[in-house]
Amino acid sequence: MILLCAATAAEMLAAVPAGGLSYTEADFPLLKPVPLRLGKEGGVACVTGVGPINAALGMGIALAQCAAAGQQLRAVINVGLAGSFDLGRWPLGSLHVVREEIWPEYGLHDGRQVVAQAFGYPQWSDGKQEVRDRLTLAGPAELGLTLRGAGAAAIGEAGVRSLTVAGVSASVLRVQHLRQQYGAALENMEGFAVAYAAARAGLPCLEIRSVSNKVGPRTAEEKDFPGALRQLGRILPALNLV
């Protein structure tokens, strides 16, 4: 089975084709996995709530409840919206596989920036890897999935780097600092937490984001949340899961 995650009910319902879930946005439960029609193997869906703390909590509850119910998970897929650091390269409505998540708020803050390697404690180590502020994510092929149809061309598999933040960047100076330090394409609020929980559970994690806005101060023409939500509906068909 696959655990499908999204931060909000709006994102989840946009990603799942009609009939895949028997819930509406008004009554979709947070933090509790619900049955999901997903390809031949089936799955469960979890709306985690917004932000890294909610995402970590939601993943913990979902993984525990799946284990208690005897539901054998083989992978996690995380879908949702994200801001783009450069709309010229990663435009509104474009879909991107995230191959690296960075949490830029973990480590030693020297008054100007946070340096993860300068801090004496990793967040976690399994004896093979140490996790500090970065995680490598899976691509579709690593989950045994093949992109197909029009969605394949829209998504692609080259992959991008994304930052997970608790506070959405709203100043030019912060945006410039993050771009210079990390060279990321996207900014989101849950990706690292979901990928981290998946790694701790020994599950590969695929993350695909739809660009909804420019990171930082933006004009009306530099955001399109309804359009980005519609694009989420292309992900599962492209992965041949519906």
C-alpha atoms as a PDB file:
ATOM      1  CA  MET A   1       0.000   0.000   0.000  1.00  0.00           C
ATOM      2  CA  ILE A   2       0.981   3.616  -0.543  1.00  0.00           C
ATOM      3  CA  LEU A   3       0.478   6.431   1.962  1.00  0.00           C
ATOM      4  CA  LEU A   4      -0.575   9.586   0.109  1.00  0.00           C
ATOM      5  CA  CYS A   5      -0.005  12.811   2.061  1.00  0.00           C
ATOM      6  CA  ALA A   6      -1.035  16.422   1.578  1.00  0.00           C
ATOM      7  CA  ALA A   7      -1.039  19.375   3.935  1.00  0.00           C
ATOM      8  CA  THR A   8      -4.648  20.413   3.357  1.00  0.00           C
ATOM      9  CA  ALA A   9      -7.909  18.790   2.350  1.00  0.00           C
ATOM     10  CA  ALA A  10      -8.035  21.099  -0.674  1.00  0.00           C
ATOM     11  CA  GLU A  11      -4.707  19.737  -1.932  1.00  0.00           C
ATOM     12  CA  MET A  12      -5.683  16.128  -1.230  1.00  0.00           C
ATOM     13  CA  LEU A  13      -9.034  16.386  -2.975  1.00  0.00           C
ATOM     14  CA  ALA A  14      -7.442  18.172  -5.931  1.00  0.00           C
ATOM     15  CA  ALA A  15      -4.904  15.358  -6.303  1.00  0.00           C
ATOM     16  CA  VAL A  16      -7.333  12.431  -6.017  1.00  0.00           C
ATOM     17  CA  PRO A  17      -9.703  11.835  -8.960  1.00  0.00           C
ATOM     18  CA  ALA A  18     -13.449  11.907  -8.325  1.00  0.00           C
ATOM     19  CA  GLY A  19     -14.577   8.828  -6.454  1.00  0.00           C
ATOM     20  CA  GLY A  20     -11.181   8.059  -5.014  1.00  0.00           C
ATOM     21  CA  LEU A  21     -12.172   9.365  -1.587  1.00  0.00           C
ATOM     22  CA  SER A  22     -15.584   9.489   0.059  1.00  0.00           C
ATOM     23  CA  TYR A  23     -14.890  12.773   1.835  1.00  0.00           C
ATOM     24  CA  THR A  24     -15.455  16.452   1.194  1.00  0.00           C
ATOM     25  CA  GLU A  25     -13.166  19.299   2.147  1.00  0.00           C
ATOM     26  CA  ALA A  26     -15.480  20.190   5.020  1.00  0.00           C
ATOM     27  CA  ASP A  27     -15.357  16.821   6.757  1.00  0.00           C
ATOM     28  CA  PHE A  28     -11.931  15.470   5.839  1.00  0.00           C
ATOM     29  CA  PRO A  29     -10.236  14.471   9.127  1.00  0.00           C
ATOM     30  CA  LEU A  30      -6.817  15.805   9.929  1.00  0.00           C
ATOM     31  CA  LEU A  31      -4.067  13.455  11.100  1.00  0.00           C
ATOM     32  CA  LYS A  32      -6.118  10.292  10.569  1.00  0.00           C
ATOM     33  CA  PRO A  33      -5.472   8.084   7.513  1.00  0.00           C
ATOM     34  CA  VAL A  34      -8.514   7.118   5.469  1.00  0.00           C
ATOM     35  CA  PRO A  35      -8.947   4.483   2.723  1.00  0.00           C
ATOM     36  CA  LEU A  36      -7.906   5.545  -0.754  1.00  0.00           C
ATOM     37  CA  ARG A  37      -8.540   3.860  -4.099  1.00  0.00           C
ATOM     38  CA  LEU A  38      -5.068   3.913  -5.583  1.00  0.00           C
ATOM     39  CA  GLY A  39      -4.173   1.619  -8.459  1.00  0.00           C
ATOM     40  CA  LYS A  40      -4.256  -2.140  -7.956  1.00  0.00           C
ATOM     41  CA  GLU A  41      -2.614  -2.126  -4.536  1.00  0.00           C
ATOM     42  CA  GLY A  42      -4.752   0.454  -2.771  1.00  0.00           C
ATOM     43  CA  GLY A  43      -3.603   3.023  -0.301  1.00  0.00           C
ATOM     44  CA  VAL A  44      -4.427   5.399   2.507  1.00  0.00           C
ATOM     45  CA  ALA A  45      -4.654   9.173   2.494  1.00  0.00           C
ATOM     46  CA  CYS A  46      -3.504  11.498   5.261  1.00  0.00           C
ATOM     47  CA  VAL A  47      -4.144  15.227   5.499  1.00  0.00           C
ATOM     48  CA  THR A  48      -1.405  16.309   7.872  1.00  0.00           C
ATOM     49  CA  GLY A  49      -2.192  19.966   8.436  1.00  0.00           C
ATOM     50  CA  VAL A  50       0.054  22.883   7.526  1.00  0.00           C
ATOM     51  CA  GLY A  51       3.649  23.270   8.669  1.00  0.00           C
ATOM     52  CA  PRO A  52       6.508  20.967   9.686  1.00  0.00           C
ATOM     53  CA  ILE A  53       5.189  20.193  13.173  1.00  0.00           C
ATOM     54  CA  ASN A  54       1.757  19.161  11.910  1.00  0.00           C
ATOM     55  CA  ALA A  55       3.369  17.168   9.101  1.00  0.00           C
ATOM     56  CA  ALA A  56       5.619  15.250  11.497  1.00  0.00           C
ATOM     57  CA  LEU A  57       2.732  14.611  13.908  1.00  0.00           C
ATOM     58  CA  GLY A  58       0.402  13.578  11.100  1.00  0.00           C
ATOM     59  CA  MET A  59       2.955  11.178   9.657  1.00  0.00           C
ATOM     60  CA  GLY A  60       3.599   9.619  13.053  1.00  0.00           C
ATOM     61  CA  ILE A  61      -0.109   9.047  13.661  1.00  0.00           C
ATOM     62  CA  ALA A  62      -0.679   7.718  10.141  1.00  0.00           C
ATOM     63  CA  LEU A  63       2.256   5.304  10.282  1.00  0.00           C
ATOM     64  CA  ALA A  64       1.239   4.046  13.720  1.00  0.00           C
ATOM     65  CA  GLN A  65      -2.407   3.549  12.751  1.00  0.00           C
ATOM     66  CA  CYS A  66      -1.470   1.762   9.542  1.00  0.00           C
ATOM     67  CA  ALA A  67       0.804  -0.577  11.510  1.00  0.00           C
ATOM     68  CA  ALA A  68      -1.904  -1.228  14.095  1.00  0.00           C
ATOM     69  CA  ALA A  69      -4.389  -2.066  11.338  1.00  0.00           C
ATOM     70  CA  GLY A  70      -1.945  -4.454   9.682  1.00  0.00           C
ATOM     71  CA  GLN A  71      -1.690  -2.264   6.585  1.00  0.00           C
ATOM     72  CA  GLN A  72       1.692  -2.905   4.997  1.00  0.00           C
ATOM     73  CA  LEU A  73       3.012   0.322   3.501  1.00  0.00           C
ATOM     74  CA  ARG A  74       5.706   0.227   0.847  1.00  0.00           C
ATOM     75  CA  ALA A  75       6.081   3.939   0.050  1.00  0.00           C
ATOM     76  CA  VAL A  76       4.990   7.495   0.789  1.00  0.00           C
ATOM     77  CA  ILE A  77       3.879  10.009  -1.835  1.00  0.00           C
ATOM     78  CA  ASN A  78       3.658  13.644  -0.761  1.00  0.00           C
ATOM     79  CA  VAL A  79       1.806  16.113  -2.990  1.00  0.00           C
ATOM     80  CA  GLY A  80       1.032  19.782  -2.598  1.00  0.00           C
ATOM     81  CA  LEU A  81       1.686  23.379  -3.542  1.00  0.00           C
ATOM     82  CA  ALA A  82       4.968  25.265  -3.326  1.00  0.00           C
ATOM     83  CA  GLY A  83       6.447  28.663  -3.967  1.00  0.00           C
ATOM     84  CA  SER A  84       9.029  29.181  -6.701  1.00  0.00           C
ATOM     85  CA  PHE A  85      12.258  31.109  -6.192  1.00  0.00           C
ATOM     86  CA  ASP A  86      12.361  31.890  -9.939  1.00  0.00           C
ATOM     87  CA  LEU A  87       9.146  31.876 -11.965  1.00  0.00           C
ATOM     88  CA  GLY A  88      11.191  32.071 -15.146  1.00  0.00           C
ATOM     89  CA  ARG A  89      12.674  28.626 -14.451  1.00  0.00           C
ATOM     90  CA  TRP A  90       9.890  27.084 -12.362  1.00  0.00           C
ATOM     91  CA  PRO A  91       6.692  28.825 -13.539  1.00  0.00           C
ATOM     92  CA  LEU A  92       3.223  28.929 -12.085  1.00  0.00           C
ATOM     93  CA  GLY A  93       1.417  25.619 -12.481  1.00  0.00           C
ATOM     94  CA  SER A  94       4.539  23.619 -13.260  1.00  0.00           C
ATOM     95  CA  LEU A  95       4.959  20.234 -11.560  1.00  0.00           C
ATOM     96  CA  HIS A  96       8.263  19.110 -10.067  1.00  0.00           C
ATOM     97  CA  VAL A  97       9.662  15.976  -8.506  1.00  0.00           C
ATOM     98  CA  VAL A  98      11.603  17.019  -5.399  1.00  0.00           C
ATOM     99  CA  ARG A  99      14.848  15.070  -5.089  1.00  0.00           C
ATOM    100  CA  GLU A 100      16.280  16.910  -2.061  1.00  0.00           C
ATOM    101  CA  GLU A 101      14.549  18.503   0.912  1.00  0.00           C
ATOM    102  CA  ILE A 102      16.403  20.951   3.141  1.00  0.00           C
ATOM    103  CA  TRP A 103      15.339  22.254   6.533  1.00  0.00           C
ATOM    104  CA  PRO A 104      17.278  25.534   6.757  1.00  0.00           C
ATOM    105  CA  GLU A 105      16.358  26.086  10.408  1.00  0.00           C
ATOM    106  CA  TYR A 106      18.276  23.192  12.003  1.00  0.00           C
ATOM    107  CA  GLY A 107      21.814  23.717  13.277  1.00  0.00           C
ATOM    108  CA  LEU A 108      23.935  26.443  14.833  1.00  0.00           C
ATOM    109  CA  HIS A 109      22.824  30.024  14.199  1.00  0.00           C
ATOM    110  CA  ASP A 110      25.851  32.333  14.141  1.00  0.00           C
ATOM    111  CA  GLY A 111      23.807  35.519  13.930  1.00  0.00           C
ATOM    112  CA  ARG A 112      23.709  35.511  10.141  1.00  0.00           C
ATOM    113  CA  GLN A 113      22.859  31.996   9.071  1.00  0.00           C
ATOM    114  CA  VAL A 114      22.164  28.475  10.316  1.00  0.00           C
ATOM    115  CA  VAL A 115      24.951  25.941   9.762  1.00  0.00           C
ATOM    116  CA  ALA A 116      23.852  22.347  10.338  1.00  0.00           C
ATOM    117  CA  GLN A 117      27.347  20.837  10.234  1.00  0.00           C
ATOM    118  CA  ALA A 118      28.528  23.198  12.971  1.00  0.00           C
ATOM    119  CA  PHE A 119      26.028  21.713  15.409  1.00  0.00           C
ATOM    120  CA  GLY A 120      27.191  18.690  17.362  1.00  0.00           C
ATOM    121  CA  TYR A 121      24.024  16.625  17.079  1.00  0.00           C
ATOM    122  CA  PRO A 122      22.442  15.080  14.000  1.00  0.00           C
ATOM    123  CA  GLN A 123      18.686  14.700  14.112  1.00  0.00           C
ATOM    124  CA  TRP A 124      19.004  10.975  13.515  1.00  0.00           C
ATOM    125  CA  SER A 125      21.465   8.311  12.493  1.00  0.00           C
ATOM    126  CA  ASP A 126      20.759   4.717  11.511  1.00  0.00           C
ATOM    127  CA  GLY A 127      24.405   3.755  11.400  1.00  0.00           C
ATOM    128  CA  LYS A 128      24.572   4.276   7.639  1.00  0.00           C
ATOM    129  CA  GLN A 129      23.531   7.876   7.312  1.00  0.00           C
ATOM    130  CA  GLU A 130      23.326  10.949   9.493  1.00  0.00           C
ATOM    131  CA  VAL A 131      20.407  13.283   8.939  1.00  0.00           C
ATOM    132  CA  ARG A 132      20.971  16.911   9.796  1.00  0.00           C
ATOM    133  CA  ASP A 133      19.305  19.442   7.510  1.00  0.00           C
ATOM    134  CA  ARG A 134      19.104  17.495   4.213  1.00  0.00           C
ATOM    135  CA  LEU A 135      17.313  14.440   2.885  1.00  0.00           C
ATOM    136  CA  THR A 136      17.494  12.764  -0.506  1.00  0.00           C
ATOM    137  CA  LEU A 137      14.099  11.693  -1.815  1.00  0.00           C
ATOM    138  CA  ALA A 138      13.047   8.963  -4.231  1.00  0.00           C
ATOM    139  CA  GLY A 139      12.046   9.351  -7.846  1.00  0.00           C
ATOM    140  CA  PRO A 140       9.106   7.514  -9.436  1.00  0.00           C
ATOM    141  CA  ALA A 141      11.313   4.687 -10.699  1.00  0.00           C
ATOM    142  CA  GLU A 142      12.510   3.945  -7.167  1.00  0.00           C
ATOM    143  CA  LEU A 143       8.894   3.275  -6.212  1.00  0.00           C
ATOM    144  CA  GLY A 144       8.441   1.003  -9.218  1.00  0.00           C
ATOM    145  CA  LEU A 145       6.363   3.659 -10.980  1.00  0.00           C
ATOM    146  CA  THR A 146       6.651   4.947 -14.547  1.00  0.00           C
ATOM    147  CA  LEU A 147       5.471   8.356 -15.640  1.00  0.00           C
ATOM    148  CA  ARG A 148       3.206   8.133 -18.664  1.00  0.00           C
ATOM    149  CA  GLY A 149       0.986  10.241 -20.897  1.00  0.00           C
ATOM    150  CA  ALA A 150       0.750  14.031 -20.916  1.00  0.00           C
ATOM    151  CA  GLY A 151       1.505  14.160 -17.217  1.00  0.00           C
ATOM    152  CA  ALA A 152       4.911  12.595 -17.793  1.00  0.00           C
ATOM    153  CA  ALA A 153       6.006  15.504 -19.951  1.00  0.00           C
ATOM    154  CA  ALA A 154       4.524  17.981 -17.474  1.00  0.00           C
ATOM    155  CA  ILE A 155       6.320  16.510 -14.472  1.00  0.00           C
ATOM    156  CA  GLY A 156       9.595  15.107 -15.745  1.00  0.00           C
ATOM    157  CA  GLU A 157      12.028  13.284 -13.477  1.00  0.00           C
ATOM    158  CA  ALA A 158      15.050  15.593 -13.389  1.00  0.00           C
ATOM    159  CA  GLY A 159      14.104  16.734  -9.911  1.00  0.00           C
ATOM    160  CA  VAL A 160      14.596  19.932  -7.937  1.00  0.00           C
ATOM    161  CA  ARG A 161      15.743  21.012  -4.496  1.00  0.00           C
ATOM    162  CA  SER A 162      13.163  22.367  -2.053  1.00  0.00           C
ATOM    163  CA  LEU A 163      13.330  24.153   1.296  1.00  0.00           C
ATOM    164  CA  THR A 164      10.931  23.351   4.126  1.00  0.00           C
ATOM    165  CA  VAL A 165      10.191  26.338   6.366  1.00  0.00           C
ATOM    166  CA  ALA A 166       7.946  27.068   9.321  1.00  0.00           C
ATOM    167  CA  GLY A 167       7.693  30.741   8.360  1.00  0.00           C
ATOM    168  CA  VAL A 168       6.866  31.508   4.733  1.00  0.00           C
ATOM    169  CA  SER A 169       9.433  33.884   3.240  1.00  0.00           C
ATOM    170  CA  ALA A 170       7.865  37.313   2.809  1.00  0.00           C
ATOM    171  CA  SER A 171      10.875  39.641   2.496  1.00  0.00           C
ATOM    172  CA  VAL A 172      13.294  40.263  -0.360  1.00  0.00           C
ATOM    173  CA  LEU A 173      16.297  39.967   1.957  1.00  0.00           C
ATOM    174  CA  ARG A 174      15.270  36.554   3.276  1.00  0.00           C
ATOM    175  CA  VAL A 175      14.588  35.267  -0.230  1.00  0.00           C
ATOM    176  CA  GLN A 176      17.998  36.445  -1.419  1.00  0.00           C
ATOM    177  CA  HIS A 177      19.708  34.839   1.576  1.00  0.00           C
ATOM    178  CA  LEU A 178      17.990  31.483   1.084  1.00  0.00           C
ATOM    179  CA  ARG A 179      18.732  31.422  -2.641  1.00  0.00           C
ATOM    180  CA  GLN A 180      22.389  32.238  -2.116  1.00  0.00           C
ATOM    181  CA  GLN A 181      22.876  29.715   0.676  1.00  0.00           C
ATOM    182  CA  TYR A 182      20.877  26.772  -0.649  1.00  0.00           C
ATOM    183  CA  GLY A 183      20.212  27.235  -4.364  1.00  0.00           C
ATOM    184  CA  ALA A 184      16.742  25.777  -4.025  1.00  0.00           C
ATOM    185  CA  ALA A 185      13.993  25.896  -6.617  1.00  0.00           C
ATOM    186  CA  LEU A 186      10.993  25.696  -4.303  1.00  0.00           C
ATOM    187  CA  GLU A 187       9.810  26.574  -0.803  1.00  0.00           C
ATOM    188  CA  ASN A 188       7.207  24.532   1.081  1.00  0.00           C
ATOM    189  CA  MET A 189       6.158  23.905   4.685  1.00  0.00           C
ATOM    190  CA  GLU A 190       5.933  20.108   5.091  1.00  0.00           C
ATOM    191  CA  GLY A 191       8.291  18.280   2.736  1.00  0.00           C
ATOM    192  CA  PHE A 192      11.252  17.673   5.035  1.00  0.00           C
ATOM    193  CA  ALA A 193       9.038  16.480   7.892  1.00  0.00           C
ATOM    194  CA  VAL A 194       7.171  13.996   5.697  1.00  0.00           C
ATOM    195  CA  ALA A 195      10.391  12.696   4.121  1.00  0.00           C
ATOM    196  CA  TYR A 196      12.069  12.443   7.523  1.00  0.00           C
ATOM    197  CA  ALA A 197       9.213  10.398   8.981  1.00  0.00           C
ATOM    198  CA  ALA A 198       9.292   8.137   5.933  1.00  0.00           C
ATOM    199  CA  ALA A 199      13.059   7.659   6.291  1.00  0.00           C
ATOM    200  CA  ARG A 200      12.698   6.773   9.969  1.00  0.00           C
ATOM    201  CA  ALA A 201      10.081   4.179   8.969  1.00  0.00           C
ATOM    202  CA  GLY A 202      12.323   2.760   6.241  1.00  0.00           C
ATOM    203  CA  LEU A 203       9.980   3.878   3.439  1.00  0.00           C
ATOM    204  CA  PRO A 204      10.948   5.613   0.195  1.00  0.00           C
ATOM    205  CA  CYS A 205       9.305   9.018  -0.228  1.00  0.00           C
ATOM    206  CA  LEU A 206       8.291  10.606  -3.522  1.00  0.00           C
ATOM    207  CA  GLU A 207       7.375  14.294  -3.397  1.00  0.00           C
ATOM    208  CA  ILE A 208       5.754  16.184  -6.266  1.00  0.00           C
ATOM    209  CA  ARG A 209       4.911  19.873  -5.975  1.00  0.00           C
ATOM    210  CA  SER A 210       2.843  22.273  -8.072  1.00  0.00           C
ATOM    211  CA  VAL A 211       4.023  25.896  -8.190  1.00  0.00           C
ATOM    212  CA  SER A 212       1.362  28.233  -6.826  1.00  0.00           C
ATOM    213  CA  ASN A 213       3.263  31.466  -6.258  1.00  0.00           C
ATOM    214  CA  LYS A 214       6.530  33.348  -6.312  1.00  0.00           C
ATOM    215  CA  VAL A 215       8.506  33.087  -3.065  1.00  0.00           C
ATOM    216  CA  GLY A 216       8.635  36.432  -1.260  1.00  0.00           C
ATOM    217  CA  PRO A 217       6.712  39.625  -2.062  1.00  0.00           C
ATOM    218  CA  ARG A 218       4.562  39.034  -5.134  1.00  0.00           C
ATOM    219  CA  THR A 219       2.059  40.741  -7.395  1.00  0.00           C
ATOM    220  CA  ALA A 220      -1.332  39.349  -8.343  1.00  0.00           C
ATOM    221  CA  GLU A 221       0.213  38.009 -11.555  1.00  0.00           C
ATOM    222  CA  GLU A 222       2.831  36.083  -9.591  1.00  0.00           C
ATOM    223  CA  LYS A 223       0.413  33.715  -7.878  1.00  0.00           C
ATOM    224  CA  ASP A 224      -2.246  31.273  -9.038  1.00  0.00           C
ATOM    225  CA  PHE A 225      -3.432  28.972  -6.274  1.00  0.00           C
ATOM    226  CA  PRO A 226      -6.540  27.652  -8.104  1.00  0.00           C
ATOM    227  CA  GLY A 227      -4.461  26.823 -11.175  1.00  0.00           C
ATOM    228  CA  ALA A 228      -1.790  25.083  -9.114  1.00  0.00           C
ATOM    229  CA  LEU A 229      -4.441  22.995  -7.337  1.00  0.00           C
ATOM    230  CA  ARG A 230      -5.846  21.866 -10.688  1.00  0.00           C
ATOM    231  CA  GLN A 231      -2.388  20.724 -11.746  1.00  0.00           C
ATOM    232  CA  LEU A 232      -2.222  18.360  -8.754  1.00  0.00           C
ATOM    233  CA  GLY A 233      -4.887  16.295 -10.486  1.00  0.00           C
ATOM    234  CA  ARG A 234      -2.349  15.280 -13.140  1.00  0.00           C
ATOM    235  CA  ILE A 235       0.023  13.532 -10.717  1.00  0.00           C
ATOM    236  CA  LEU A 236      -1.683  10.206  -9.930  1.00  0.00           C
ATOM    237  CA  PRO A 237      -2.767   9.568 -13.550  1.00  0.00           C
ATOM    238  CA  ALA A 238       0.786  10.309 -14.707  1.00  0.00           C
ATOM    239  CA  LEU A 239       2.095   7.747 -12.212  1.00  0.00           C
ATOM    240  CA  ASN A 240      -0.441   5.185 -13.509  1.00  0.00           C
ATOM    241  CA  LEU A 241      -2.027   4.959 -10.066  1.00  0.00           C
ATOM    242  CA  VAL A 242      -5.597   5.656 -11.210  1.00  0.00           C
END
